[in-house]
């Protein structure tokens, strides 16, 4: 549920007054997530919230979230939770890096788990209380790109970005190289069309606009890294397919298994962020959190492919599963 920042700050003042009257007694661990997406968006926001929720329930931590916040509210939302005595802040995206680093300096006893944080972000935290949770961006792109390369008939692929982040660039590169490699094995050539960025993770209308443009340029398989923007893109794809009378343009979702959410979705790249959050919580409990990068990959089970649609022919499913196994084995494209 969304916390109103003003209410949070009011509670902080009351809490601080109570603490000043006596010793504070810890009644269990608490984690809070801040998010500029909607946790009910069926995409990035929902997947990250569910990951935190699942991790908290597994570890017996209490949890809270503030969603749909604007960039100018990142820092204030974070420090409100810090002042309330939360043990860990989970920030699901590198766009929160500056706000987390600023708060981490001011609250040395709070742990900051930064999803998709850069490799050098932990070293920038003066108090050593920040860690980056970093799913392998190249492998994320591979998972989607291999299927795109198998499924495209036009030879043109679409990718829609939210913000021009390093992690997004890594996913694009992996998507393109895997698609081109797999397509070449099928005697096809593919082209990744120019990638548009919405400069937002919540502008569904922009996603719909971008997808329509890319479809007009011939794109017949899509992937994205833009949360609600991706949802808007799928709306445009579904509308195009409905007008065509059959599903001719496909989408590969992420980061949760979204098969059935839209008719155009043929598979999903799935990221189990909860595993990395659990590891962060265990480090907090052991007093050893901070200063490291926790990686998520196909090899440790943090990354995988979701269920495959019946729209994907059986022979292509078989080839795709073989490529996924190569990725796990470390033999893909070698």
C-alpha atoms as a PDB file:
ATOM      1  CA  UNK A   1       0.000   0.000   0.000  1.00  0.00           C
ATOM      2  CA  UNK A   2       1.212   3.472  -0.769  1.00  0.00           C
ATOM      3  CA  UNK A   3       2.461   5.616   2.122  1.00  0.00           C
ATOM      4  CA  UNK A   4       1.794   9.290   1.933  1.00  0.00           C
ATOM      5  CA  UNK A   5       5.112  11.034   2.521  1.00  0.00           C
ATOM      6  CA  UNK A   6       3.628  13.697   4.768  1.00  0.00           C
ATOM      7  CA  UNK A   7       2.108  11.028   6.994  1.00  0.00           C
ATOM      8  CA  UNK A   8       5.422   9.187   7.155  1.00  0.00           C
ATOM      9  CA  UNK A   9       7.232  12.299   8.244  1.00  0.00           C
ATOM     10  CA  UNK A  10       4.613  12.975  10.906  1.00  0.00           C
ATOM     11  CA  UNK A  11       5.033   9.448  12.251  1.00  0.00           C
ATOM     12  CA  UNK A  12       8.793   9.969  12.282  1.00  0.00           C
ATOM     13  CA  UNK A  13       8.422  12.976  14.558  1.00  0.00           C
ATOM     14  CA  UNK A  14       6.204  11.043  16.948  1.00  0.00           C
ATOM     15  CA  UNK A  15       8.565   8.074  16.916  1.00  0.00           C
ATOM     16  CA  UNK A  16      11.577  10.237  17.677  1.00  0.00           C
ATOM     17  CA  UNK A  17       9.727  11.851  20.559  1.00  0.00           C
ATOM     18  CA  UNK A  18       8.900   8.445  22.031  1.00  0.00           C
ATOM     19  CA  UNK A  19      12.465   7.225  21.684  1.00  0.00           C
ATOM     20  CA  UNK A  20      13.747  10.310  23.497  1.00  0.00           C
ATOM     21  CA  UNK A  21      11.663   9.300  26.524  1.00  0.00           C
ATOM     22  CA  UNK A  22      13.356   5.961  26.950  1.00  0.00           C
ATOM     23  CA  UNK A  23      15.406   3.211  25.374  1.00  0.00           C
ATOM     24  CA  UNK A  24      14.279   1.951  21.982  1.00  0.00           C
ATOM     25  CA  UNK A  25      13.423  -1.732  21.942  1.00  0.00           C
ATOM     26  CA  UNK A  26      13.920  -3.665  18.704  1.00  0.00           C
ATOM     27  CA  UNK A  27      10.893  -5.840  17.959  1.00  0.00           C
ATOM     28  CA  UNK A  28      12.148  -7.522  14.788  1.00  0.00           C
ATOM     29  CA  UNK A  29      13.715  -6.681  11.460  1.00  0.00           C
ATOM     30  CA  UNK A  30      12.012  -4.367   8.987  1.00  0.00           C
ATOM     31  CA  UNK A  31      12.545  -3.714   5.281  1.00  0.00           C
ATOM     32  CA  UNK A  32      11.040  -0.934   3.163  1.00  0.00           C
ATOM     33  CA  UNK A  33      10.912  -0.558  -0.599  1.00  0.00           C
ATOM     34  CA  UNK A  34      10.596   2.685  -2.539  1.00  0.00           C
ATOM     35  CA  UNK A  35       9.496   2.568  -6.152  1.00  0.00           C
ATOM     36  CA  UNK A  36       8.619   4.984  -8.943  1.00  0.00           C
ATOM     37  CA  UNK A  37       6.514   2.305 -10.634  1.00  0.00           C
ATOM     38  CA  UNK A  38       3.125   1.047  -9.526  1.00  0.00           C
ATOM     39  CA  UNK A  39       3.362  -2.216  -7.568  1.00  0.00           C
ATOM     40  CA  UNK A  40       0.192  -3.334  -9.357  1.00  0.00           C
ATOM     41  CA  UNK A  41       1.575  -2.681 -12.846  1.00  0.00           C
ATOM     42  CA  UNK A  42       1.913  -6.371 -13.739  1.00  0.00           C
ATOM     43  CA  UNK A  43       5.537  -5.679 -14.636  1.00  0.00           C
ATOM     44  CA  UNK A  44       8.667  -4.385 -12.966  1.00  0.00           C
ATOM     45  CA  UNK A  45       7.019  -2.730  -9.976  1.00  0.00           C
ATOM     46  CA  UNK A  46       4.877  -5.759  -9.189  1.00  0.00           C
ATOM     47  CA  UNK A  47       7.740  -8.217  -9.637  1.00  0.00           C
ATOM     48  CA  UNK A  48      10.092  -6.272  -7.361  1.00  0.00           C
ATOM     49  CA  UNK A  49       7.444  -5.774  -4.692  1.00  0.00           C
ATOM     50  CA  UNK A  50       6.563  -9.462  -4.725  1.00  0.00           C
ATOM     51  CA  UNK A  51      10.255 -10.348  -4.495  1.00  0.00           C
ATOM     52  CA  UNK A  52      10.652  -8.187  -1.397  1.00  0.00           C
ATOM     53  CA  UNK A  53       7.409  -9.498   0.100  1.00  0.00           C
ATOM     54  CA  UNK A  54       8.393 -13.130  -0.476  1.00  0.00           C
ATOM     55  CA  UNK A  55      11.861 -12.581   0.961  1.00  0.00           C
ATOM     56  CA  UNK A  56      10.475 -10.789   4.016  1.00  0.00           C
ATOM     57  CA  UNK A  57       7.927 -13.503   4.680  1.00  0.00           C
ATOM     58  CA  UNK A  58      10.593 -16.180   4.309  1.00  0.00           C
ATOM     59  CA  UNK A  59      12.843 -14.433   6.823  1.00  0.00           C
ATOM     60  CA  UNK A  60      10.073 -13.263   9.152  1.00  0.00           C
ATOM     61  CA  UNK A  61      10.719  -9.571   8.519  1.00  0.00           C
ATOM     62  CA  UNK A  62       7.978  -6.947   8.420  1.00  0.00           C
ATOM     63  CA  UNK A  63       7.805  -4.881   5.251  1.00  0.00           C
ATOM     64  CA  UNK A  64       6.366  -1.717   3.751  1.00  0.00           C
ATOM     65  CA  UNK A  65       6.419   0.060   0.403  1.00  0.00           C
ATOM     66  CA  UNK A  66       6.012   3.525  -1.057  1.00  0.00           C
ATOM     67  CA  UNK A  67       5.233   3.349  -4.773  1.00  0.00           C
ATOM     68  CA  UNK A  68       4.446   5.751  -7.625  1.00  0.00           C
ATOM     69  CA  UNK A  69       6.902   8.335  -6.305  1.00  0.00           C
ATOM     70  CA  UNK A  70       8.581  10.973  -8.440  1.00  0.00           C
ATOM     71  CA  UNK A  71      12.339  11.401  -8.685  1.00  0.00           C
ATOM     72  CA  UNK A  72      12.339  14.452  -6.431  1.00  0.00           C
ATOM     73  CA  UNK A  73      10.778  12.330  -3.670  1.00  0.00           C
ATOM     74  CA  UNK A  74      13.289   9.450  -3.726  1.00  0.00           C
ATOM     75  CA  UNK A  75      15.495  10.784  -0.950  1.00  0.00           C
ATOM     76  CA  UNK A  76      12.700  12.032   1.322  1.00  0.00           C
ATOM     77  CA  UNK A  77      10.873   8.697   1.045  1.00  0.00           C
ATOM     78  CA  UNK A  78      14.024   6.788   1.921  1.00  0.00           C
ATOM     79  CA  UNK A  79      15.024   8.869   4.942  1.00  0.00           C
ATOM     80  CA  UNK A  80      11.478   8.734   6.312  1.00  0.00           C
ATOM     81  CA  UNK A  81      11.847   4.957   6.582  1.00  0.00           C
ATOM     82  CA  UNK A  82      15.377   5.276   7.960  1.00  0.00           C
ATOM     83  CA  UNK A  83      14.157   7.572  10.722  1.00  0.00           C
ATOM     84  CA  UNK A  84      11.391   5.093  11.536  1.00  0.00           C
ATOM     85  CA  UNK A  85      14.015   2.480  12.332  1.00  0.00           C
ATOM     86  CA  UNK A  86      13.850   0.272   9.253  1.00  0.00           C
ATOM     87  CA  UNK A  87      16.839  -2.052   9.035  1.00  0.00           C
ATOM     88  CA  UNK A  88      17.037  -2.244   5.261  1.00  0.00           C
ATOM     89  CA  UNK A  89      15.962  -0.137   2.302  1.00  0.00           C
ATOM     90  CA  UNK A  90      15.326  -2.016  -0.938  1.00  0.00           C
ATOM     91  CA  UNK A  91      15.618   0.262  -3.971  1.00  0.00           C
ATOM     92  CA  UNK A  92      14.735  -1.549  -7.225  1.00  0.00           C
ATOM     93  CA  UNK A  93      16.759   0.315  -9.819  1.00  0.00           C
ATOM     94  CA  UNK A  94      19.979   2.216 -10.437  1.00  0.00           C
ATOM     95  CA  UNK A  95      17.980   5.441 -10.752  1.00  0.00           C
ATOM     96  CA  UNK A  96      17.857   5.471  -6.927  1.00  0.00           C
ATOM     97  CA  UNK A  97      21.662   5.358  -6.559  1.00  0.00           C
ATOM     98  CA  UNK A  98      22.256   9.004  -5.649  1.00  0.00           C
ATOM     99  CA  UNK A  99      19.406   9.106  -3.127  1.00  0.00           C
ATOM    100  CA  UNK A 100      20.573   5.843  -1.522  1.00  0.00           C
ATOM    101  CA  UNK A 101      24.186   6.968  -1.279  1.00  0.00           C
ATOM    102  CA  UNK A 102      23.157  10.242   0.322  1.00  0.00           C
ATOM    103  CA  UNK A 103      20.920   8.492   2.850  1.00  0.00           C
ATOM    104  CA  UNK A 104      23.530   5.783   3.499  1.00  0.00           C
ATOM    105  CA  UNK A 105      25.988   8.497   4.549  1.00  0.00           C
ATOM    106  CA  UNK A 106      23.489   9.933   7.011  1.00  0.00           C
ATOM    107  CA  UNK A 107      22.209   6.596   8.364  1.00  0.00           C
ATOM    108  CA  UNK A 108      25.244   4.320   8.855  1.00  0.00           C
ATOM    109  CA  UNK A 109      23.230   1.662  10.676  1.00  0.00           C
ATOM    110  CA  UNK A 110      20.718   1.171   7.855  1.00  0.00           C
ATOM    111  CA  UNK A 111      21.460  -1.326   5.060  1.00  0.00           C
ATOM    112  CA  UNK A 112      20.771  -0.237   1.473  1.00  0.00           C
ATOM    113  CA  UNK A 113      20.125  -2.985  -1.104  1.00  0.00           C
ATOM    114  CA  UNK A 114      20.282  -1.405  -4.558  1.00  0.00           C
ATOM    115  CA  UNK A 115      18.877  -3.604  -7.318  1.00  0.00           C
ATOM    116  CA  UNK A 116      20.685  -3.077 -10.636  1.00  0.00           C
ATOM    117  CA  UNK A 117      23.206  -0.910  -8.841  1.00  0.00           C
ATOM    118  CA  UNK A 118      26.536  -0.446 -10.562  1.00  0.00           C
ATOM    119  CA  UNK A 119      29.561  -2.554  -9.669  1.00  0.00           C
ATOM    120  CA  UNK A 120      31.291   0.444  -8.094  1.00  0.00           C
ATOM    121  CA  UNK A 121      28.268   1.719  -6.128  1.00  0.00           C
ATOM    122  CA  UNK A 122      29.163  -0.166  -2.903  1.00  0.00           C
ATOM    123  CA  UNK A 123      32.618   1.440  -2.811  1.00  0.00           C
ATOM    124  CA  UNK A 124      31.019   4.898  -2.939  1.00  0.00           C
ATOM    125  CA  UNK A 125      29.140   4.345   0.342  1.00  0.00           C
ATOM    126  CA  UNK A 126      31.359   5.942   2.991  1.00  0.00           C
ATOM    127  CA  UNK A 127      29.957   3.767   5.762  1.00  0.00           C
ATOM    128  CA  UNK A 128      30.128   0.520   3.773  1.00  0.00           C
ATOM    129  CA  UNK A 129      26.384  -0.023   4.217  1.00  0.00           C
ATOM    130  CA  UNK A 130      25.281  -0.403   0.586  1.00  0.00           C
ATOM    131  CA  UNK A 131      25.356  -3.444  -1.689  1.00  0.00           C
ATOM    132  CA  UNK A 132      24.399  -3.801  -5.349  1.00  0.00           C
ATOM    133  CA  UNK A 133      22.078  -6.644  -6.337  1.00  0.00           C
ATOM    134  CA  UNK A 134      22.994  -7.209  -9.955  1.00  0.00           C
ATOM    135  CA  UNK A 135      21.198  -9.672 -12.241  1.00  0.00           C
ATOM    136  CA  UNK A 136      23.366 -10.531 -15.241  1.00  0.00           C
ATOM    137  CA  UNK A 137      22.101  -8.076 -17.881  1.00  0.00           C
ATOM    138  CA  UNK A 138      23.712  -9.925 -20.763  1.00  0.00           C
ATOM    139  CA  UNK A 139      22.026 -13.204 -19.789  1.00  0.00           C
ATOM    140  CA  UNK A 140      18.678 -11.434 -19.423  1.00  0.00           C
ATOM    141  CA  UNK A 141      19.070 -10.233 -23.004  1.00  0.00           C
ATOM    142  CA  UNK A 142      20.126 -13.697 -24.159  1.00  0.00           C
ATOM    143  CA  UNK A 143      17.026 -15.361 -22.713  1.00  0.00           C
ATOM    144  CA  UNK A 144      14.762 -13.078 -24.740  1.00  0.00           C
ATOM    145  CA  UNK A 145      17.016 -12.728 -27.766  1.00  0.00           C
ATOM    146  CA  UNK A 146      17.333 -16.449 -28.469  1.00  0.00           C
ATOM    147  CA  UNK A 147      13.562 -16.850 -28.711  1.00  0.00           C
ATOM    148  CA  UNK A 148      13.222 -13.651 -30.751  1.00  0.00           C
ATOM    149  CA  UNK A 149      15.780 -14.930 -33.238  1.00  0.00           C
ATOM    150  CA  UNK A 150      13.859 -18.169 -33.618  1.00  0.00           C
ATOM    151  CA  UNK A 151      10.415 -16.561 -33.917  1.00  0.00           C
ATOM    152  CA  UNK A 152      10.961 -13.543 -36.166  1.00  0.00           C
ATOM    153  CA  UNK A 153       9.802 -13.830 -39.750  1.00  0.00           C
ATOM    154  CA  UNK A 154      10.326 -10.196 -40.729  1.00  0.00           C
ATOM    155  CA  UNK A 155      13.880 -10.162 -39.450  1.00  0.00           C
ATOM    156  CA  UNK A 156      13.193  -6.967 -37.499  1.00  0.00           C
ATOM    157  CA  UNK A 157      13.059  -6.780 -33.711  1.00  0.00           C
ATOM    158  CA  UNK A 158      11.841  -4.089 -31.327  1.00  0.00           C
ATOM    159  CA  UNK A 159      13.202  -3.128 -27.913  1.00  0.00           C
ATOM    160  CA  UNK A 160      11.676  -0.354 -25.793  1.00  0.00           C
ATOM    161  CA  UNK A 161      13.637   1.246 -22.960  1.00  0.00           C
ATOM    162  CA  UNK A 162      12.452   3.160 -19.932  1.00  0.00           C
ATOM    163  CA  UNK A 163      15.611   5.093 -19.098  1.00  0.00           C
ATOM    164  CA  UNK A 164      19.022   4.916 -20.738  1.00  0.00           C
ATOM    165  CA  UNK A 165      20.686   2.992 -17.890  1.00  0.00           C
ATOM    166  CA  UNK A 166      23.819   0.850 -18.108  1.00  0.00           C
ATOM    167  CA  UNK A 167      21.806  -2.222 -17.123  1.00  0.00           C
ATOM    168  CA  UNK A 168      19.318  -1.526 -19.916  1.00  0.00           C
ATOM    169  CA  UNK A 169      22.160  -1.149 -22.406  1.00  0.00           C
ATOM    170  CA  UNK A 170      23.509  -4.508 -21.257  1.00  0.00           C
ATOM    171  CA  UNK A 171      20.143  -6.162 -21.835  1.00  0.00           C
ATOM    172  CA  UNK A 172      19.875  -4.615 -25.306  1.00  0.00           C
ATOM    173  CA  UNK A 173      23.353  -5.849 -26.240  1.00  0.00           C
ATOM    174  CA  UNK A 174      22.581  -9.375 -25.019  1.00  0.00           C
ATOM    175  CA  UNK A 175      19.217  -9.392 -26.780  1.00  0.00           C
ATOM    176  CA  UNK A 176      20.722  -8.333 -30.081  1.00  0.00           C
ATOM    177  CA  UNK A 177      23.720 -10.670 -30.053  1.00  0.00           C
ATOM    178  CA  UNK A 178      21.671 -13.727 -29.070  1.00  0.00           C
ATOM    179  CA  UNK A 179      18.983 -13.002 -31.656  1.00  0.00           C
ATOM    180  CA  UNK A 180      21.531 -12.564 -34.424  1.00  0.00           C
ATOM    181  CA  UNK A 181      23.421 -15.722 -33.449  1.00  0.00           C
ATOM    182  CA  UNK A 182      20.318 -17.926 -33.234  1.00  0.00           C
ATOM    183  CA  UNK A 183      18.833 -16.488 -36.427  1.00  0.00           C
ATOM    184  CA  UNK A 184      22.062 -17.173 -38.309  1.00  0.00           C
ATOM    185  CA  UNK A 185      21.781 -20.838 -37.318  1.00  0.00           C
ATOM    186  CA  UNK A 186      18.335 -20.800 -38.964  1.00  0.00           C
ATOM    187  CA  UNK A 187      19.636 -19.186 -42.136  1.00  0.00           C
ATOM    188  CA  UNK A 188      18.058 -15.819 -41.258  1.00  0.00           C
ATOM    189  CA  UNK A 189      19.404 -12.331 -40.660  1.00  0.00           C
ATOM    190  CA  UNK A 190      17.898 -10.000 -38.082  1.00  0.00           C
ATOM    191  CA  UNK A 191      18.048  -6.300 -37.357  1.00  0.00           C
ATOM    192  CA  UNK A 192      17.358  -4.615 -34.040  1.00  0.00           C
ATOM    193  CA  UNK A 193      15.507  -1.418 -34.873  1.00  0.00           C
ATOM    194  CA  UNK A 194      16.535   1.845 -33.244  1.00  0.00           C
ATOM    195  CA  UNK A 195      15.728   1.631 -29.520  1.00  0.00           C
ATOM    196  CA  UNK A 196      13.407   4.393 -28.220  1.00  0.00           C
ATOM    197  CA  UNK A 197      13.548   5.507 -24.570  1.00  0.00           C
ATOM    198  CA  UNK A 198      10.495   6.824 -22.741  1.00  0.00           C
ATOM    199  CA  UNK A 199      12.578   8.529 -20.002  1.00  0.00           C
ATOM    200  CA  UNK A 200       9.977   7.020 -17.705  1.00  0.00           C
ATOM    201  CA  UNK A 201       8.879   3.684 -16.304  1.00  0.00           C
ATOM    202  CA  UNK A 202       5.235   4.683 -15.938  1.00  0.00           C
ATOM    203  CA  UNK A 203       4.247   6.309 -19.243  1.00  0.00           C
ATOM    204  CA  UNK A 204       2.126   3.541 -20.792  1.00  0.00           C
ATOM    205  CA  UNK A 205       0.935   5.886 -23.526  1.00  0.00           C
ATOM    206  CA  UNK A 206       4.513   6.399 -24.655  1.00  0.00           C
ATOM    207  CA  UNK A 207       5.005   2.624 -24.814  1.00  0.00           C
ATOM    208  CA  UNK A 208       1.939   2.296 -27.007  1.00  0.00           C
ATOM    209  CA  UNK A 209       3.221   5.044 -29.291  1.00  0.00           C
ATOM    210  CA  UNK A 210       6.672   3.462 -29.580  1.00  0.00           C
ATOM    211  CA  UNK A 211       5.322  -0.015 -30.279  1.00  0.00           C
ATOM    212  CA  UNK A 212       3.039   1.296 -33.016  1.00  0.00           C
ATOM    213  CA  UNK A 213       5.982   3.024 -34.675  1.00  0.00           C
ATOM    214  CA  UNK A 214       8.170  -0.084 -34.470  1.00  0.00           C
ATOM    215  CA  UNK A 215       5.404  -2.324 -35.844  1.00  0.00           C
ATOM    216  CA  UNK A 216       5.078   0.086 -38.774  1.00  0.00           C
ATOM    217  CA  UNK A 217       8.817  -0.382 -39.339  1.00  0.00           C
ATOM    218  CA  UNK A 218       8.332  -4.153 -39.497  1.00  0.00           C
ATOM    219  CA  UNK A 219       9.141  -5.338 -35.956  1.00  0.00           C
ATOM    220  CA  UNK A 220       7.448  -8.658 -35.210  1.00  0.00           C
ATOM    221  CA  UNK A 221       9.071  -9.640 -31.878  1.00  0.00           C
ATOM    222  CA  UNK A 222       9.436  -7.227 -28.938  1.00  0.00           C
ATOM    223  CA  UNK A 223      11.324  -7.112 -25.645  1.00  0.00           C
ATOM    224  CA  UNK A 224      11.621  -4.216 -23.217  1.00  0.00           C
ATOM    225  CA  UNK A 225      12.956  -2.866 -19.949  1.00  0.00           C
ATOM    226  CA  UNK A 226      10.383  -0.261 -19.076  1.00  0.00           C
ATOM    227  CA  UNK A 227       7.706  -1.550 -16.637  1.00  0.00           C
ATOM    228  CA  UNK A 228       4.373   0.183 -17.337  1.00  0.00           C
ATOM    229  CA  UNK A 229       5.789   1.484 -20.625  1.00  0.00           C
ATOM    230  CA  UNK A 230       6.062  -2.170 -21.684  1.00  0.00           C
ATOM    231  CA  UNK A 231       2.427  -2.667 -20.716  1.00  0.00           C
ATOM    232  CA  UNK A 232       1.453   0.131 -23.080  1.00  0.00           C
ATOM    233  CA  UNK A 233       3.518  -1.475 -25.831  1.00  0.00           C
ATOM    234  CA  UNK A 234       1.700  -4.786 -25.374  1.00  0.00           C
ATOM    235  CA  UNK A 235      -1.616  -2.983 -25.652  1.00  0.00           C
ATOM    236  CA  UNK A 236      -0.568  -1.665 -29.056  1.00  0.00           C
ATOM    237  CA  UNK A 237       0.645  -5.107 -30.135  1.00  0.00           C
ATOM    238  CA  UNK A 238      -2.619  -6.754 -29.075  1.00  0.00           C
ATOM    239  CA  UNK A 239      -4.610  -4.136 -30.974  1.00  0.00           C
ATOM    240  CA  UNK A 240      -2.534  -4.710 -34.097  1.00  0.00           C
ATOM    241  CA  UNK A 241      -2.982  -8.472 -33.858  1.00  0.00           C
ATOM    242  CA  UNK A 242      -6.727  -8.118 -33.327  1.00  0.00           C
ATOM    243  CA  UNK A 243      -7.017  -5.990 -36.452  1.00  0.00           C
ATOM    244  CA  UNK A 244      -4.928  -8.529 -38.378  1.00  0.00           C
ATOM    245  CA  UNK A 245      -7.193 -11.383 -37.278  1.00  0.00           C
ATOM    246  CA  UNK A 246      -4.351 -13.474 -35.773  1.00  0.00           C
ATOM    247  CA  UNK A 247      -1.268 -13.107 -33.591  1.00  0.00           C
ATOM    248  CA  UNK A 248       1.481 -11.994 -35.942  1.00  0.00           C
ATOM    249  CA  UNK A 249       3.525  -9.776 -33.616  1.00  0.00           C
ATOM    250  CA  UNK A 250       4.907 -11.181 -30.362  1.00  0.00           C
ATOM    251  CA  UNK A 251       6.245  -9.893 -27.069  1.00  0.00           C
ATOM    252  CA  UNK A 252       8.637 -11.424 -24.550  1.00  0.00           C
ATOM    253  CA  UNK A 253       7.893 -10.114 -21.060  1.00  0.00           C
ATOM    254  CA  UNK A 254      10.090  -9.549 -18.010  1.00  0.00           C
ATOM    255  CA  UNK A 255      10.931  -9.807 -15.116  1.00  0.00           C
ATOM    256  CA  UNK A 256       8.091 -12.114 -13.974  1.00  0.00           C
ATOM    257  CA  UNK A 257       6.336 -15.010 -15.722  1.00  0.00           C
ATOM    258  CA  UNK A 258       3.544 -13.086 -17.456  1.00  0.00           C
ATOM    259  CA  UNK A 259       2.223 -15.672 -19.899  1.00  0.00           C
ATOM    260  CA  UNK A 260      -1.522 -15.128 -20.338  1.00  0.00           C
ATOM    261  CA  UNK A 261      -1.441 -11.493 -19.255  1.00  0.00           C
ATOM    262  CA  UNK A 262      -1.566 -10.366 -22.904  1.00  0.00           C
ATOM    263  CA  UNK A 263      -2.305 -12.470 -25.956  1.00  0.00           C
ATOM    264  CA  UNK A 264       0.929 -11.352 -27.616  1.00  0.00           C
ATOM    265  CA  UNK A 265       3.209 -12.658 -24.838  1.00  0.00           C
ATOM    266  CA  UNK A 266       4.930 -15.862 -25.925  1.00  0.00           C
ATOM    267  CA  UNK A 267       7.376 -16.234 -23.010  1.00  0.00           C
ATOM    268  CA  UNK A 268       8.976 -14.256 -20.196  1.00  0.00           C
ATOM    269  CA  UNK A 269      12.448 -13.644 -18.932  1.00  0.00           C
ATOM    270  CA  UNK A 270      12.111 -14.295 -15.190  1.00  0.00           C
ATOM    271  CA  UNK A 271      14.321 -12.754 -12.508  1.00  0.00           C
ATOM    272  CA  UNK A 272      14.079 -14.142  -8.967  1.00  0.00           C
ATOM    273  CA  UNK A 273      15.201 -11.057  -7.099  1.00  0.00           C
ATOM    274  CA  UNK A 274      13.934 -12.565  -3.847  1.00  0.00           C
ATOM    275  CA  UNK A 275      17.000 -14.836  -3.670  1.00  0.00           C
ATOM    276  CA  UNK A 276      19.327 -11.829  -3.636  1.00  0.00           C
ATOM    277  CA  UNK A 277      17.112  -9.981  -1.149  1.00  0.00           C
ATOM    278  CA  UNK A 278      17.141 -12.990   1.185  1.00  0.00           C
ATOM    279  CA  UNK A 279      20.940 -13.062   0.993  1.00  0.00           C
ATOM    280  CA  UNK A 280      20.970  -9.354   1.879  1.00  0.00           C
ATOM    281  CA  UNK A 281      18.669  -9.923   4.847  1.00  0.00           C
ATOM    282  CA  UNK A 282      20.842 -12.748   6.129  1.00  0.00           C
ATOM    283  CA  UNK A 283      23.879 -10.481   5.892  1.00  0.00           C
ATOM    284  CA  UNK A 284      22.046  -7.809   7.894  1.00  0.00           C
ATOM    285  CA  UNK A 285      21.135 -10.333  10.587  1.00  0.00           C
ATOM    286  CA  UNK A 286      24.760 -11.493  10.742  1.00  0.00           C
ATOM    287  CA  UNK A 287      26.064  -7.934  10.896  1.00  0.00           C
ATOM    288  CA  UNK A 288      28.003  -8.416   7.666  1.00  0.00           C
ATOM    289  CA  UNK A 289      25.954  -6.446   5.140  1.00  0.00           C
ATOM    290  CA  UNK A 290      27.447  -3.977   2.699  1.00  0.00           C
ATOM    291  CA  UNK A 291      30.309  -3.315   0.360  1.00  0.00           C
ATOM    292  CA  UNK A 292      29.655  -6.095  -2.130  1.00  0.00           C
ATOM    293  CA  UNK A 293      27.932  -6.995  -5.367  1.00  0.00           C
ATOM    294  CA  UNK A 294      25.472  -9.897  -5.205  1.00  0.00           C
ATOM    295  CA  UNK A 295      25.114 -11.338  -8.688  1.00  0.00           C
ATOM    296  CA  UNK A 296      22.092 -13.140 -10.124  1.00  0.00           C
ATOM    297  CA  UNK A 297      22.550 -15.508 -13.054  1.00  0.00           C
ATOM    298  CA  UNK A 298      21.224 -18.522 -14.898  1.00  0.00           C
ATOM    299  CA  UNK A 299      23.816 -20.576 -13.065  1.00  0.00           C
ATOM    300  CA  UNK A 300      22.585 -19.761  -9.549  1.00  0.00           C
ATOM    301  CA  UNK A 301      18.894 -19.866 -10.483  1.00  0.00           C
ATOM    302  CA  UNK A 302      18.211 -16.151 -10.152  1.00  0.00           C
ATOM    303  CA  UNK A 303      17.486 -15.956 -13.905  1.00  0.00           C
ATOM    304  CA  UNK A 304      15.337 -18.267 -16.008  1.00  0.00           C
ATOM    305  CA  UNK A 305      12.774 -18.404 -18.792  1.00  0.00           C
ATOM    306  CA  UNK A 306       9.087 -18.685 -17.960  1.00  0.00           C
ATOM    307  CA  UNK A 307       6.393 -20.815 -19.528  1.00  0.00           C
ATOM    308  CA  UNK A 308       6.269 -20.871 -23.322  1.00  0.00           C
ATOM    309  CA  UNK A 309       3.068 -20.097 -25.255  1.00  0.00           C
ATOM    310  CA  UNK A 310       1.417 -22.615 -27.560  1.00  0.00           C
ATOM    311  CA  UNK A 311       1.907 -19.938 -30.234  1.00  0.00           C
ATOM    312  CA  UNK A 312       5.512 -21.118 -30.332  1.00  0.00           C
ATOM    313  CA  UNK A 313       5.725 -24.271 -32.504  1.00  0.00           C
ATOM    314  CA  UNK A 314       6.978 -27.430 -30.809  1.00  0.00           C
ATOM    315  CA  UNK A 315      10.172 -27.621 -32.859  1.00  0.00           C
ATOM    316  CA  UNK A 316      11.065 -24.033 -31.952  1.00  0.00           C
ATOM    317  CA  UNK A 317      10.351 -24.732 -28.289  1.00  0.00           C
ATOM    318  CA  UNK A 318      12.761 -27.661 -28.454  1.00  0.00           C
ATOM    319  CA  UNK A 319      15.493 -25.535 -30.046  1.00  0.00           C
ATOM    320  CA  UNK A 320      14.911 -22.729 -27.555  1.00  0.00           C
ATOM    321  CA  UNK A 321      15.192 -25.037 -24.559  1.00  0.00           C
ATOM    322  CA  UNK A 322      18.439 -26.396 -25.991  1.00  0.00           C
ATOM    323  CA  UNK A 323      19.836 -22.864 -26.239  1.00  0.00           C
ATOM    324  CA  UNK A 324      18.781 -22.139 -22.655  1.00  0.00           C
ATOM    325  CA  UNK A 325      20.705 -25.200 -21.512  1.00  0.00           C
ATOM    326  CA  UNK A 326      23.754 -23.989 -23.430  1.00  0.00           C
ATOM    327  CA  UNK A 327      23.490 -20.678 -21.581  1.00  0.00           C
ATOM    328  CA  UNK A 328      23.448 -22.512 -18.253  1.00  0.00           C
ATOM    329  CA  UNK A 329      26.359 -24.725 -19.293  1.00  0.00           C
ATOM    330  CA  UNK A 330      28.404 -21.765 -20.469  1.00  0.00           C
ATOM    331  CA  UNK A 331      28.619 -22.991 -24.068  1.00  0.00           C
ATOM    332  CA  UNK A 332      26.190 -20.553 -25.723  1.00  0.00           C
ATOM    333  CA  UNK A 333      27.697 -18.786 -28.774  1.00  0.00           C
ATOM    334  CA  UNK A 334      30.956 -20.673 -28.305  1.00  0.00           C
END
